[in-house]
Amino acid sequence: MRWRKLLGGMAFAMVLQVATAGPSEPRVVLVQPSGAVAPANLLRLSVVFDAPVEGAVLPRIALSHADGRPLQEPFLQQELWSPDGKILTLLLHPGRVKTGLVAREQLGPILSAGDDVVLTFDGHLIKQWHVGPVDATGPVASAWKLSHLRSGSRQPLVVTLDGPIDGRDVDYLAVVGAADRLVEGKAQLQEGETTWTFTPVAAWQPGEYRLVVRDTLEDPSGNRLGGHFETPIGAPQSRATVTAIAFKIGPDSSSSGRAGLERSD
C-alpha cells in the first residue's frame, strides 16, 4: 500500500510540474540581411521568431565586433513588430548611418568596411556579417534578369536582382497579366535577398505579362528604387512611380523585356 501512495504522489508531482511550467522560449529562425556580407551603411535588420515574443526584446539583443567588443549604442530605441508579433525590425541609428549629422560626428559610424560583426540574442549568436563597402546606389530594376518560363507549367519566375533588397519587401513585387489582372501565387526572397521567386497558383498561359515593382522598395541601407537614403535635405523629391518589366510567354518559352517607368497618381 505504501508504494502505491508513493507512486501516486510522484505522479501528482509530475503533473503539477508540467502544469506550472512556463511556455518554451521563442527561437530565432532567421535574421535579415541573411547574406554573409552587410554594407557599411546598413540601416535596418529583421529578426524572425518562430512564435510571438513577450516583453521588450531590444535589451536582449546586442551587436558587437567578432572579438566581443560591443558596438556603442547601435540601435534606435524602437521596436517595429509585424502584426503577428513574430518579426522584429530594428533600425540602426539613422543619425550615425547618414553622413553629416551630429550623432555621426560625435560617435562615429556604427559599421566600418572590413569589420566582422555578430548579432546576439540573450548572449547567443544568431547572425554574423562581414562588413562590405557603403552601398549608395540602391536597387536598379533595369539590371534585373528574369528567367525563361514554359507555357502550361507552374515553374517559378526567378528574378535575379542587382543586389539585396530589404527582407520585408517580398510583397513589393507582383506579376500582372492581361488587363492588369494580378497573377495569384507565392513570392519568396532567397540567396541573401538577391533573388525573388514567384510560383503561380495556376499554370502560366501564353501572353504578355509585367513584373510590377512598388517605388518604395528599398535595400537594407534605405536606398529606394527611385531615390537614395543620402539625398541632401531640401533636395526636390521625386514623383511616385511604378516600375514595370515586361515579359512575354510564348507557346514554349518566354523572353524578358527592358524595364520601363510608369507614372502613378
C-alpha atoms as a PDB file:
ATOM      1  CA  MET A   1       0.000   0.000   0.000  1.00  0.00           C
ATOM      2  CA  ARG A   2       2.843   2.387   0.831  1.00  0.00           C
ATOM      3  CA  TRP A   3       4.437   2.008  -2.600  1.00  0.00           C
ATOM      4  CA  ARG A   4       1.090   2.793  -4.266  1.00  0.00           C
ATOM      5  CA  LYS A   5       0.820   6.001  -2.239  1.00  0.00           C
ATOM      6  CA  LEU A   6       4.431   6.834  -3.101  1.00  0.00           C
ATOM      7  CA  LEU A   7       3.866   6.318  -6.832  1.00  0.00           C
ATOM      8  CA  GLY A   8       0.643   8.300  -6.649  1.00  0.00           C
ATOM      9  CA  GLY A   9       2.489  11.179  -5.007  1.00  0.00           C
ATOM     10  CA  MET A  10       5.225  11.101  -7.649  1.00  0.00           C
ATOM     11  CA  ALA A  11       2.671  11.125 -10.484  1.00  0.00           C
ATOM     12  CA  PHE A  12       0.875  14.095  -8.908  1.00  0.00           C
ATOM     13  CA  ALA A  13       4.176  15.968  -8.584  1.00  0.00           C
ATOM     14  CA  MET A  14       4.996  15.325 -12.256  1.00  0.00           C
ATOM     15  CA  VAL A  15       1.565  16.561 -13.364  1.00  0.00           C
ATOM     16  CA  LEU A  16       1.951  19.647 -11.181  1.00  0.00           C
ATOM     17  CA  GLN A  17       5.386  20.344 -12.659  1.00  0.00           C
ATOM     18  CA  VAL A  18       4.099  20.130 -16.237  1.00  0.00           C
ATOM     19  CA  ALA A  19       1.072  22.274 -15.434  1.00  0.00           C
ATOM     20  CA  THR A  20       3.150  25.020 -13.834  1.00  0.00           C
ATOM     21  CA  ALA A  21       5.994  25.019 -16.398  1.00  0.00           C
ATOM     22  CA  GLY A  22       6.150  28.183 -18.465  1.00  0.00           C
ATOM     23  CA  PRO A  23       5.885  28.236 -22.240  1.00  0.00           C
ATOM     24  CA  SER A  24       9.048  27.470 -24.211  1.00  0.00           C
ATOM     25  CA  GLU A  25      11.096  30.483 -25.249  1.00  0.00           C
ATOM     26  CA  PRO A  26      10.582  31.530 -28.906  1.00  0.00           C
ATOM     27  CA  ARG A  27      13.505  30.682 -31.172  1.00  0.00           C
ATOM     28  CA  VAL A  28      15.151  32.872 -33.782  1.00  0.00           C
ATOM     29  CA  VAL A  29      14.661  31.198 -37.170  1.00  0.00           C
ATOM     30  CA  LEU A  30      16.011  33.906 -39.498  1.00  0.00           C
ATOM     31  CA  VAL A  31      17.918  37.176 -39.463  1.00  0.00           C
ATOM     32  CA  GLN A  32      17.853  39.511 -42.450  1.00  0.00           C
ATOM     33  CA  PRO A  33      20.013  40.572 -44.194  1.00  0.00           C
ATOM     34  CA  SER A  34      20.587  36.829 -44.411  1.00  0.00           C
ATOM     35  CA  GLY A  35      23.671  37.042 -46.624  1.00  0.00           C
ATOM     36  CA  ALA A  36      27.215  36.838 -45.327  1.00  0.00           C
ATOM     37  CA  VAL A  37      28.027  40.481 -46.140  1.00  0.00           C
ATOM     38  CA  ALA A  38      26.301  43.637 -44.887  1.00  0.00           C
ATOM     39  CA  PRO A  39      27.003  47.147 -46.212  1.00  0.00           C
ATOM     40  CA  ALA A  40      28.833  49.625 -44.019  1.00  0.00           C
ATOM     41  CA  ASN A  41      25.758  51.859 -44.154  1.00  0.00           C
ATOM     42  CA  LEU A  42      23.320  49.117 -43.064  1.00  0.00           C
ATOM     43  CA  LEU A  43      20.148  50.836 -41.869  1.00  0.00           C
ATOM     44  CA  ARG A  44      17.817  48.046 -40.791  1.00  0.00           C
ATOM     45  CA  LEU A  45      17.734  44.397 -39.894  1.00  0.00           C
ATOM     46  CA  SER A  46      14.929  41.978 -39.091  1.00  0.00           C
ATOM     47  CA  VAL A  47      14.809  39.110 -36.602  1.00  0.00           C
ATOM     48  CA  VAL A  48      12.225  36.389 -37.276  1.00  0.00           C
ATOM     49  CA  PHE A  49      10.993  34.256 -34.369  1.00  0.00           C
ATOM     50  CA  ASP A  50       9.023  31.007 -34.530  1.00  0.00           C
ATOM     51  CA  ALA A  51       6.412  32.385 -32.105  1.00  0.00           C
ATOM     52  CA  PRO A  52       5.363  35.750 -30.634  1.00  0.00           C
ATOM     53  CA  VAL A  53       7.741  37.142 -28.019  1.00  0.00           C
ATOM     54  CA  GLU A  54       6.546  38.636 -24.743  1.00  0.00           C
ATOM     55  CA  GLY A  55       8.142  41.747 -23.322  1.00  0.00           C
ATOM     56  CA  ALA A  56      10.827  44.037 -24.674  1.00  0.00           C
ATOM     57  CA  VAL A  57      13.363  42.338 -26.927  1.00  0.00           C
ATOM     58  CA  LEU A  58      15.762  45.168 -27.763  1.00  0.00           C
ATOM     59  CA  PRO A  59      17.556  44.971 -24.353  1.00  0.00           C
ATOM     60  CA  ARG A  60      18.239  41.293 -25.101  1.00  0.00           C
ATOM     61  CA  ILE A  61      19.886  41.978 -28.475  1.00  0.00           C
ATOM     62  CA  ALA A  62      23.476  43.118 -28.914  1.00  0.00           C
ATOM     63  CA  LEU A  63      25.643  43.985 -31.898  1.00  0.00           C
ATOM     64  CA  SER A  64      29.356  43.511 -31.326  1.00  0.00           C
ATOM     65  CA  HIS A  65      32.674  43.089 -33.034  1.00  0.00           C
ATOM     66  CA  ALA A  66      33.595  39.463 -33.706  1.00  0.00           C
ATOM     67  CA  ASP A  67      36.142  39.626 -30.864  1.00  0.00           C
ATOM     68  CA  GLY A  68      33.405  40.507 -28.375  1.00  0.00           C
ATOM     69  CA  ARG A  69      33.858  44.278 -28.174  1.00  0.00           C
ATOM     70  CA  PRO A  70      30.373  45.831 -28.111  1.00  0.00           C
ATOM     71  CA  LEU A  71      29.363  48.457 -30.628  1.00  0.00           C
ATOM     72  CA  GLN A  72      28.277  51.587 -28.806  1.00  0.00           C
ATOM     73  CA  GLU A  73      24.533  52.365 -28.988  1.00  0.00           C
ATOM     74  CA  PRO A  74      23.969  50.930 -32.478  1.00  0.00           C
ATOM     75  CA  PHE A  75      20.171  50.802 -32.449  1.00  0.00           C
ATOM     76  CA  LEU A  76      17.386  53.330 -32.431  1.00  0.00           C
ATOM     77  CA  GLN A  77      15.410  52.580 -29.272  1.00  0.00           C
ATOM     78  CA  GLN A  78      12.282  51.464 -31.079  1.00  0.00           C
ATOM     79  CA  GLU A  79      10.863  48.005 -31.763  1.00  0.00           C
ATOM     80  CA  LEU A  80       8.908  47.594 -35.001  1.00  0.00           C
ATOM     81  CA  TRP A  81       6.851  44.387 -34.922  1.00  0.00           C
ATOM     82  CA  SER A  82       4.901  42.594 -37.626  1.00  0.00           C
ATOM     83  CA  PRO A  83       1.143  42.182 -36.944  1.00  0.00           C
ATOM     84  CA  ASP A  84       1.632  38.546 -35.892  1.00  0.00           C
ATOM     85  CA  GLY A  85       4.286  39.502 -33.333  1.00  0.00           C
ATOM     86  CA  LYS A  86       6.938  37.237 -34.845  1.00  0.00           C
ATOM     87  CA  ILE A  87       9.111  39.610 -36.876  1.00  0.00           C
ATOM     88  CA  LEU A  88      11.070  42.386 -35.196  1.00  0.00           C
ATOM     89  CA  THR A  89      12.624  45.097 -37.361  1.00  0.00           C
ATOM     90  CA  LEU A  90      15.370  47.179 -35.802  1.00  0.00           C
ATOM     91  CA  LEU A  91      16.820  50.395 -37.166  1.00  0.00           C
ATOM     92  CA  LEU A  92      20.477  51.147 -36.779  1.00  0.00           C
ATOM     93  CA  HIS A  93      20.614  54.728 -35.564  1.00  0.00           C
ATOM     94  CA  PRO A  94      19.938  56.804 -38.721  1.00  0.00           C
ATOM     95  CA  GLY A  95      21.882  59.726 -37.283  1.00  0.00           C
ATOM     96  CA  ARG A  96      25.030  57.593 -37.350  1.00  0.00           C
ATOM     97  CA  VAL A  97      24.321  55.945 -40.691  1.00  0.00           C
ATOM     98  CA  LYS A  98      23.757  59.138 -42.659  1.00  0.00           C
ATOM     99  CA  THR A  99      26.780  61.357 -43.168  1.00  0.00           C
ATOM    100  CA  GLY A 100      26.934  64.955 -41.986  1.00  0.00           C
ATOM    101  CA  LEU A 101      24.729  64.545 -38.899  1.00  0.00           C
ATOM    102  CA  VAL A 102      25.660  65.408 -35.303  1.00  0.00           C
ATOM    103  CA  ALA A 103      25.353  61.856 -33.937  1.00  0.00           C
ATOM    104  CA  ARG A 104      27.749  60.533 -36.569  1.00  0.00           C
ATOM    105  CA  GLU A 105      30.211  63.334 -35.945  1.00  0.00           C
ATOM    106  CA  GLN A 106      30.184  62.696 -32.190  1.00  0.00           C
ATOM    107  CA  LEU A 107      30.014  58.881 -32.047  1.00  0.00           C
ATOM    108  CA  GLY A 108      31.262  57.920 -35.489  1.00  0.00           C
ATOM    109  CA  PRO A 109      29.692  55.442 -37.915  1.00  0.00           C
ATOM    110  CA  ILE A 110      28.319  52.198 -36.469  1.00  0.00           C
ATOM    111  CA  LEU A 111      29.925  49.848 -39.018  1.00  0.00           C
ATOM    112  CA  SER A 112      33.178  50.138 -40.939  1.00  0.00           C
ATOM    113  CA  ALA A 113      34.138  48.284 -44.102  1.00  0.00           C
ATOM    114  CA  GLY A 114      36.375  45.307 -43.385  1.00  0.00           C
ATOM    115  CA  ASP A 115      34.983  44.629 -39.916  1.00  0.00           C
ATOM    116  CA  ASP A 116      33.336  41.391 -38.806  1.00  0.00           C
ATOM    117  CA  VAL A 117      30.333  41.834 -36.528  1.00  0.00           C
ATOM    118  CA  VAL A 118      27.986  39.486 -34.670  1.00  0.00           C
ATOM    119  CA  LEU A 119      24.378  39.808 -33.558  1.00  0.00           C
ATOM    120  CA  THR A 120      23.382  38.016 -30.360  1.00  0.00           C
ATOM    121  CA  PHE A 121      20.087  37.334 -28.593  1.00  0.00           C
ATOM    122  CA  ASP A 122      20.324  36.583 -24.862  1.00  0.00           C
ATOM    123  CA  GLY A 123      24.055  36.160 -25.410  1.00  0.00           C
ATOM    124  CA  HIS A 124      23.644  33.521 -28.126  1.00  0.00           C
ATOM    125  CA  LEU A 125      24.988  34.122 -31.620  1.00  0.00           C
ATOM    126  CA  ILE A 126      22.174  34.464 -34.165  1.00  0.00           C
ATOM    127  CA  LYS A 127      23.985  36.104 -37.099  1.00  0.00           C
ATOM    128  CA  GLN A 128      27.436  37.146 -38.261  1.00  0.00           C
ATOM    129  CA  TRP A 129      28.329  39.540 -41.076  1.00  0.00           C
ATOM    130  CA  HIS A 130      31.447  40.715 -42.804  1.00  0.00           C
ATOM    131  CA  VAL A 131      31.061  44.451 -43.378  1.00  0.00           C
ATOM    132  CA  GLY A 132      31.392  45.464 -47.013  1.00  0.00           C
ATOM    133  CA  PRO A 133      31.663  48.916 -48.580  1.00  0.00           C
ATOM    134  CA  VAL A 134      28.965  51.577 -48.417  1.00  0.00           C
ATOM    135  CA  ASP A 135      26.045  50.944 -50.773  1.00  0.00           C
ATOM    136  CA  ALA A 136      24.844  54.312 -52.021  1.00  0.00           C
ATOM    137  CA  THR A 137      23.362  53.135 -55.313  1.00  0.00           C
ATOM    138  CA  GLY A 138      20.230  51.251 -54.357  1.00  0.00           C
ATOM    139  CA  PRO A 139      18.171  48.867 -56.495  1.00  0.00           C
ATOM    140  CA  VAL A 140      18.365  49.293 -60.283  1.00  0.00           C
ATOM    141  CA  ALA A 141      15.464  47.450 -61.885  1.00  0.00           C
ATOM    142  CA  SER A 142      16.886  47.738 -65.397  1.00  0.00           C
ATOM    143  CA  ALA A 143      19.725  45.444 -64.303  1.00  0.00           C
ATOM    144  CA  TRP A 144      17.413  42.660 -63.099  1.00  0.00           C
ATOM    145  CA  LYS A 145      17.244  39.409 -65.058  1.00  0.00           C
ATOM    146  CA  LEU A 146      14.105  37.300 -65.482  1.00  0.00           C
ATOM    147  CA  SER A 147      14.140  33.575 -66.063  1.00  0.00           C
ATOM    148  CA  HIS A 148      12.512  31.884 -69.041  1.00  0.00           C
ATOM    149  CA  LEU A 149       9.115  30.259 -68.463  1.00  0.00           C
ATOM    150  CA  ARG A 150       7.287  27.463 -70.211  1.00  0.00           C
ATOM    151  CA  SER A 151       3.643  27.841 -71.090  1.00  0.00           C
ATOM    152  CA  GLY A 152       1.477  25.290 -69.299  1.00  0.00           C
ATOM    153  CA  SER A 153       3.921  24.902 -66.418  1.00  0.00           C
ATOM    154  CA  ARG A 154       3.911  26.222 -62.851  1.00  0.00           C
ATOM    155  CA  GLN A 155       7.644  26.722 -62.780  1.00  0.00           C
ATOM    156  CA  PRO A 156       8.667  29.719 -60.696  1.00  0.00           C
ATOM    157  CA  LEU A 157       9.552  33.032 -62.234  1.00  0.00           C
ATOM    158  CA  VAL A 158      13.078  33.746 -60.950  1.00  0.00           C
ATOM    159  CA  VAL A 159      14.158  37.385 -60.831  1.00  0.00           C
ATOM    160  CA  THR A 160      17.875  37.883 -60.245  1.00  0.00           C
ATOM    161  CA  LEU A 161      18.221  41.282 -58.614  1.00  0.00           C
ATOM    162  CA  ASP A 162      21.254  43.545 -58.888  1.00  0.00           C
ATOM    163  CA  GLY A 163      21.771  43.364 -55.116  1.00  0.00           C
ATOM    164  CA  PRO A 164      19.987  42.528 -51.859  1.00  0.00           C
ATOM    165  CA  ILE A 165      16.678  44.202 -51.061  1.00  0.00           C
ATOM    166  CA  ASP A 166      15.039  44.580 -47.676  1.00  0.00           C
ATOM    167  CA  GLY A 167      13.750  41.253 -46.410  1.00  0.00           C
ATOM    168  CA  ARG A 168      10.356  42.709 -45.581  1.00  0.00           C
ATOM    169  CA  ASP A 169       9.786  43.875 -49.175  1.00  0.00           C
ATOM    170  CA  VAL A 170       8.998  40.477 -50.668  1.00  0.00           C
ATOM    171  CA  ASP A 171       5.438  41.580 -51.498  1.00  0.00           C
ATOM    172  CA  TYR A 172       6.565  44.855 -53.081  1.00  0.00           C
ATOM    173  CA  LEU A 173       6.837  42.985 -56.373  1.00  0.00           C
ATOM    174  CA  ALA A 174       3.898  41.436 -58.209  1.00  0.00           C
ATOM    175  CA  VAL A 175       3.103  39.845 -61.549  1.00  0.00           C
ATOM    176  CA  VAL A 176       0.179  41.082 -63.659  1.00  0.00           C
ATOM    177  CA  GLY A 177      -1.174  39.686 -66.881  1.00  0.00           C
ATOM    178  CA  ALA A 178      -3.719  40.819 -69.444  1.00  0.00           C
ATOM    179  CA  ALA A 179      -5.912  43.768 -68.421  1.00  0.00           C
ATOM    180  CA  ASP A 180      -3.594  44.347 -65.447  1.00  0.00           C
ATOM    181  CA  ARG A 181      -5.043  41.301 -63.732  1.00  0.00           C
ATOM    182  CA  LEU A 182      -2.984  40.197 -60.737  1.00  0.00           C
ATOM    183  CA  VAL A 183      -1.492  36.720 -61.082  1.00  0.00           C
ATOM    184  CA  GLU A 184      -2.077  34.765 -57.864  1.00  0.00           C
ATOM    185  CA  GLY A 185       0.878  32.929 -56.419  1.00  0.00           C
ATOM    186  CA  LYS A 186       3.554  32.779 -53.708  1.00  0.00           C
ATOM    187  CA  ALA A 187       6.601  35.032 -53.622  1.00  0.00           C
ATOM    188  CA  GLN A 188       9.854  34.383 -51.772  1.00  0.00           C
ATOM    189  CA  LEU A 189      13.232  36.031 -51.307  1.00  0.00           C
ATOM    190  CA  GLN A 190      16.263  33.757 -51.497  1.00  0.00           C
ATOM    191  CA  GLU A 191      20.060  33.799 -51.692  1.00  0.00           C
ATOM    192  CA  GLY A 192      20.565  36.639 -49.250  1.00  0.00           C
ATOM    193  CA  GLU A 193      17.545  38.545 -50.607  1.00  0.00           C
ATOM    194  CA  THR A 194      19.230  38.856 -54.009  1.00  0.00           C
ATOM    195  CA  THR A 195      16.723  36.593 -55.781  1.00  0.00           C
ATOM    196  CA  TRP A 196      12.925  36.961 -55.925  1.00  0.00           C
ATOM    197  CA  THR A 197      10.920  33.918 -56.951  1.00  0.00           C
ATOM    198  CA  PHE A 198       7.232  33.693 -57.767  1.00  0.00           C
ATOM    199  CA  THR A 199       5.322  30.424 -58.125  1.00  0.00           C
ATOM    200  CA  PRO A 200       1.863  30.869 -59.673  1.00  0.00           C
ATOM    201  CA  VAL A 201      -1.199  29.093 -58.351  1.00  0.00           C
ATOM    202  CA  ALA A 202      -2.277  28.149 -61.881  1.00  0.00           C
ATOM    203  CA  ALA A 203      -0.140  27.217 -64.870  1.00  0.00           C
ATOM    204  CA  TRP A 204       1.340  30.010 -66.973  1.00  0.00           C
ATOM    205  CA  GLN A 205      -0.645  30.828 -70.091  1.00  0.00           C
ATOM    206  CA  PRO A 206       0.785  32.303 -73.292  1.00  0.00           C
ATOM    207  CA  GLY A 207       0.583  36.088 -73.339  1.00  0.00           C
ATOM    208  CA  GLU A 208       2.135  39.322 -72.185  1.00  0.00           C
ATOM    209  CA  TYR A 209       2.978  39.919 -68.518  1.00  0.00           C
ATOM    210  CA  ARG A 210       4.606  42.585 -66.388  1.00  0.00           C
ATOM    211  CA  LEU A 211       6.640  42.413 -63.214  1.00  0.00           C
ATOM    212  CA  VAL A 212       5.411  45.455 -61.276  1.00  0.00           C
ATOM    213  CA  VAL A 213       7.574  46.942 -58.523  1.00  0.00           C
ATOM    214  CA  ARG A 214       6.492  49.492 -55.916  1.00  0.00           C
ATOM    215  CA  ASP A 215       8.616  52.626 -55.819  1.00  0.00           C
ATOM    216  CA  THR A 216       9.006  52.227 -52.028  1.00  0.00           C
ATOM    217  CA  LEU A 217      11.051  49.043 -52.411  1.00  0.00           C
ATOM    218  CA  GLU A 218      14.338  49.531 -50.552  1.00  0.00           C
ATOM    219  CA  ASP A 219      17.661  47.842 -49.965  1.00  0.00           C
ATOM    220  CA  PRO A 220      18.975  47.237 -46.404  1.00  0.00           C
ATOM    221  CA  SER A 221      20.643  50.668 -46.469  1.00  0.00           C
ATOM    222  CA  GLY A 222      17.391  52.549 -47.058  1.00  0.00           C
ATOM    223  CA  ASN A 223      18.035  53.318 -50.724  1.00  0.00           C
ATOM    224  CA  ARG A 224      14.782  53.195 -52.658  1.00  0.00           C
ATOM    225  CA  LEU A 225      14.136  52.168 -56.199  1.00  0.00           C
ATOM    226  CA  GLY A 226      13.548  55.814 -57.043  1.00  0.00           C
ATOM    227  CA  GLY A 227      15.822  57.583 -54.566  1.00  0.00           C
ATOM    228  CA  HIS A 228      18.779  57.370 -52.207  1.00  0.00           C
ATOM    229  CA  PHE A 229      18.988  57.460 -48.403  1.00  0.00           C
ATOM    230  CA  GLU A 230      21.755  60.057 -48.617  1.00  0.00           C
ATOM    231  CA  THR A 231      19.569  62.567 -50.513  1.00  0.00           C
ATOM    232  CA  PRO A 232      20.515  66.049 -49.246  1.00  0.00           C
ATOM    233  CA  ILE A 233      17.996  67.899 -47.087  1.00  0.00           C
ATOM    234  CA  GLY A 234      15.942  70.256 -49.223  1.00  0.00           C
ATOM    235  CA  ALA A 235      16.520  68.351 -52.453  1.00  0.00           C
ATOM    236  CA  PRO A 236      13.371  68.044 -54.581  1.00  0.00           C
ATOM    237  CA  GLN A 237      11.513  64.805 -54.022  1.00  0.00           C
ATOM    238  CA  SER A 238      10.997  62.513 -56.961  1.00  0.00           C
ATOM    239  CA  ARG A 239       7.445  61.794 -58.062  1.00  0.00           C
ATOM    240  CA  ALA A 240       5.939  58.451 -57.189  1.00  0.00           C
ATOM    241  CA  THR A 241       6.498  55.930 -59.949  1.00  0.00           C
ATOM    242  CA  VAL A 242       5.824  52.295 -60.647  1.00  0.00           C
ATOM    243  CA  THR A 243       8.500  50.271 -62.391  1.00  0.00           C
ATOM    244  CA  ALA A 244       7.277  47.564 -64.728  1.00  0.00           C
ATOM    245  CA  ILE A 245       9.368  44.954 -66.515  1.00  0.00           C
ATOM    246  CA  ALA A 246       7.517  43.456 -69.445  1.00  0.00           C
ATOM    247  CA  PHE A 247       7.941  39.836 -70.497  1.00  0.00           C
ATOM    248  CA  LYS A 248       6.107  37.527 -72.821  1.00  0.00           C
ATOM    249  CA  ILE A 249       5.348  33.818 -72.580  1.00  0.00           C
ATOM    250  CA  GLY A 250       5.085  32.077 -75.917  1.00  0.00           C
ATOM    251  CA  PRO A 251       3.912  28.548 -76.569  1.00  0.00           C
ATOM    252  CA  ASP A 252       7.257  27.135 -75.417  1.00  0.00           C
ATOM    253  CA  SER A 253       9.348  29.838 -73.724  1.00  0.00           C
ATOM    254  CA  SER A 254       9.449  33.455 -72.620  1.00  0.00           C
ATOM    255  CA  SER A 255      11.612  36.438 -73.396  1.00  0.00           C
ATOM    256  CA  SER A 256      12.098  39.288 -70.955  1.00  0.00           C
ATOM    257  CA  GLY A 257      11.909  42.928 -71.976  1.00  0.00           C
ATOM    258  CA  ARG A 258      13.551  46.004 -70.581  1.00  0.00           C
ATOM    259  CA  ALA A 259      12.372  47.906 -67.527  1.00  0.00           C
ATOM    260  CA  GLY A 260      10.069  50.850 -68.072  1.00  0.00           C
ATOM    261  CA  LEU A 261       8.756  53.568 -65.794  1.00  0.00           C
ATOM    262  CA  GLU A 262       5.084  54.384 -65.430  1.00  0.00           C
ATOM    263  CA  ARG A 263       3.825  57.448 -63.597  1.00  0.00           C
ATOM    264  CA  SER A 264       1.332  56.715 -60.843  1.00  0.00           C
ATOM    265  CA  ASP A 265      -1.244  59.083 -59.412  1.00  0.00           C
END
